[in-house]
C-alpha atoms as a PDB file:
ATOM      1  CA  UNK A   1     -25.529 -26.540 -67.482  1.00  0.00           C
ATOM      2  CA  UNK A   2     -25.218 -30.383 -66.856  1.00  0.00           C
ATOM      3  CA  UNK A   3     -28.838 -31.543 -67.268  1.00  0.00           C
ATOM      4  CA  UNK A   4     -29.278 -34.504 -69.759  1.00  0.00           C
ATOM      5  CA  UNK A   5     -25.308 -34.902 -70.161  1.00  0.00           C
ATOM      6  CA  UNK A   6     -24.317 -38.445 -70.457  1.00  0.00           C
ATOM      7  CA  UNK A   7     -21.748 -39.471 -67.777  1.00  0.00           C
ATOM      8  CA  UNK A   8     -19.847 -42.302 -66.184  1.00  0.00           C
ATOM      9  CA  UNK A   9     -20.864 -42.141 -62.510  1.00  0.00           C
ATOM     10  CA  UNK A  10     -19.326 -43.922 -59.600  1.00  0.00           C
ATOM     11  CA  UNK A  11     -22.127 -45.739 -57.680  1.00  0.00           C
ATOM     12  CA  UNK A  12     -21.916 -45.106 -54.013  1.00  0.00           C
ATOM     13  CA  UNK A  13     -22.790 -48.683 -52.919  1.00  0.00           C
ATOM     14  CA  UNK A  14     -20.065 -50.569 -54.792  1.00  0.00           C
ATOM     15  CA  UNK A  15     -17.707 -47.713 -56.024  1.00  0.00           C
ATOM     16  CA  UNK A  16     -17.987 -49.105 -59.536  1.00  0.00           C
ATOM     17  CA  UNK A  17     -18.382 -46.901 -62.603  1.00  0.00           C
ATOM     18  CA  UNK A  18     -21.641 -47.051 -64.593  1.00  0.00           C
ATOM     19  CA  UNK A  19     -23.266 -45.279 -67.590  1.00  0.00           C
ATOM     20  CA  UNK A  20     -25.635 -42.380 -66.385  1.00  0.00           C
ATOM     21  CA  UNK A  21     -27.456 -39.345 -67.316  1.00  0.00           C
ATOM     22  CA  UNK A  22     -27.561 -36.165 -65.305  1.00  0.00           C
ATOM     23  CA  UNK A  23     -31.326 -35.511 -64.448  1.00  0.00           C
ATOM     24  CA  UNK A  24     -31.004 -32.425 -62.255  1.00  0.00           C
ATOM     25  CA  UNK A  25     -28.450 -30.169 -60.640  1.00  0.00           C
ATOM     26  CA  UNK A  26     -29.191 -30.382 -57.010  1.00  0.00           C
ATOM     27  CA  UNK A  27     -26.522 -27.859 -55.600  1.00  0.00           C
ATOM     28  CA  UNK A  28     -24.328 -25.455 -57.489  1.00  0.00           C
ATOM     29  CA  UNK A  29     -21.927 -23.220 -55.610  1.00  0.00           C
ATOM     30  CA  UNK A  30     -20.589 -20.425 -57.888  1.00  0.00           C
ATOM     31  CA  UNK A  31     -17.657 -20.022 -55.503  1.00  0.00           C
ATOM     32  CA  UNK A  32     -16.686 -23.557 -55.122  1.00  0.00           C
ATOM     33  CA  UNK A  33     -17.547 -25.697 -58.116  1.00  0.00           C
ATOM     34  CA  UNK A  34     -16.314 -28.815 -56.295  1.00  0.00           C
ATOM     35  CA  UNK A  35     -19.388 -28.683 -54.016  1.00  0.00           C
ATOM     36  CA  UNK A  36     -21.662 -29.108 -57.058  1.00  0.00           C
ATOM     37  CA  UNK A  37     -24.162 -32.163 -56.479  1.00  0.00           C
ATOM     38  CA  UNK A  38     -26.228 -33.619 -59.378  1.00  0.00           C
ATOM     39  CA  UNK A  39     -28.929 -36.310 -59.507  1.00  0.00           C
ATOM     40  CA  UNK A  40     -27.669 -39.151 -61.753  1.00  0.00           C
ATOM     41  CA  UNK A  41     -29.985 -41.803 -63.340  1.00  0.00           C
ATOM     42  CA  UNK A  42     -28.176 -45.012 -64.192  1.00  0.00           C
ATOM     43  CA  UNK A  43     -29.067 -45.962 -67.674  1.00  0.00           C
ATOM     44  CA  UNK A  44     -28.631 -49.674 -67.294  1.00  0.00           C
ATOM     45  CA  UNK A  45     -30.377 -50.163 -63.951  1.00  0.00           C
ATOM     46  CA  UNK A  46     -32.979 -47.407 -63.679  1.00  0.00           C
ATOM     47  CA  UNK A  47     -32.156 -46.147 -60.186  1.00  0.00           C
ATOM     48  CA  UNK A  48     -31.054 -42.631 -59.331  1.00  0.00           C
ATOM     49  CA  UNK A  49     -28.831 -40.896 -56.791  1.00  0.00           C
ATOM     50  CA  UNK A  50     -27.342 -37.727 -55.876  1.00  0.00           C
ATOM     51  CA  UNK A  51     -23.620 -37.578 -56.239  1.00  0.00           C
ATOM     52  CA  UNK A  52     -20.861 -35.093 -56.081  1.00  0.00           C
ATOM     53  CA  UNK A  53     -18.555 -33.703 -58.782  1.00  0.00           C
ATOM     54  CA  UNK A  54     -15.580 -36.022 -57.969  1.00  0.00           C
ATOM     55  CA  UNK A  55     -17.830 -39.068 -58.696  1.00  0.00           C
ATOM     56  CA  UNK A  56     -18.791 -38.572 -62.313  1.00  0.00           C
ATOM     57  CA  UNK A  57     -17.245 -37.572 -65.538  1.00  0.00           C
ATOM     58  CA  UNK A  58     -18.831 -36.247 -68.707  1.00  0.00           C
ATOM     59  CA  UNK A  59     -18.634 -38.966 -71.369  1.00  0.00           C
ATOM     60  CA  UNK A  60     -19.418 -38.873 -74.989  1.00  0.00           C
ATOM     61  CA  UNK A  61     -19.536 -42.505 -75.372  1.00  0.00           C
ATOM     62  CA  UNK A  62     -22.256 -43.196 -72.894  1.00  0.00           C
ATOM     63  CA  UNK A  63     -25.442 -42.492 -74.822  1.00  0.00           C
ATOM     64  CA  UNK A  64     -28.090 -45.469 -74.613  1.00  0.00           C
ATOM     65  CA  UNK A  65     -27.111 -46.192 -78.258  1.00  0.00           C
ATOM     66  CA  UNK A  66     -23.532 -47.143 -77.657  1.00  0.00           C
ATOM     67  CA  UNK A  67     -21.744 -50.468 -77.580  1.00  0.00           C
ATOM     68  CA  UNK A  68     -21.146 -52.664 -74.626  1.00  0.00           C
ATOM     69  CA  UNK A  69     -17.764 -51.212 -73.634  1.00  0.00           C
ATOM     70  CA  UNK A  70     -17.058 -47.623 -72.990  1.00  0.00           C
ATOM     71  CA  UNK A  71     -13.507 -46.513 -72.130  1.00  0.00           C
ATOM     72  CA  UNK A  72     -13.098 -42.920 -70.688  1.00  0.00           C
ATOM     73  CA  UNK A  73     -10.004 -40.798 -71.017  1.00  0.00           C
ATOM     74  CA  UNK A  74      -9.596 -40.833 -67.225  1.00  0.00           C
ATOM     75  CA  UNK A  75      -8.849 -44.593 -67.373  1.00  0.00           C
ATOM     76  CA  UNK A  76     -12.358 -45.703 -66.215  1.00  0.00           C
ATOM     77  CA  UNK A  77     -13.631 -48.893 -67.944  1.00  0.00           C
ATOM     78  CA  UNK A  78     -17.233 -49.680 -68.006  1.00  0.00           C
ATOM     79  CA  UNK A  79     -18.929 -52.748 -69.297  1.00  0.00           C
ATOM     80  CA  UNK A  80     -22.784 -52.987 -69.706  1.00  0.00           C
ATOM     81  CA  UNK A  81     -22.682 -56.627 -68.614  1.00  0.00           C
ATOM     82  CA  UNK A  82     -21.126 -56.024 -65.255  1.00  0.00           C
ATOM     83  CA  UNK A  83     -22.567 -58.406 -62.667  1.00  0.00           C
ATOM     84  CA  UNK A  84     -21.223 -56.567 -59.628  1.00  0.00           C
ATOM     85  CA  UNK A  85     -24.465 -54.478 -59.361  1.00  0.00           C
END
């Protein structure tokens, strides 16, 4: 369902938003979609983490071939050159 989707994901260490790609659906509760947990691979850093549904959004502008800045409709702004991570 979500595997290989490009997303903006909120990294748990610094709560900043970064480009990612869903590698696996770890937990999916058909009765409560909010309990969905996925494994996200961060495109610009190479690390992965498991994250809940409220910490990522599907993003059509986050492929590896996009420009430096990605603005998502939810108001999240992401810059590839971020030095916070």
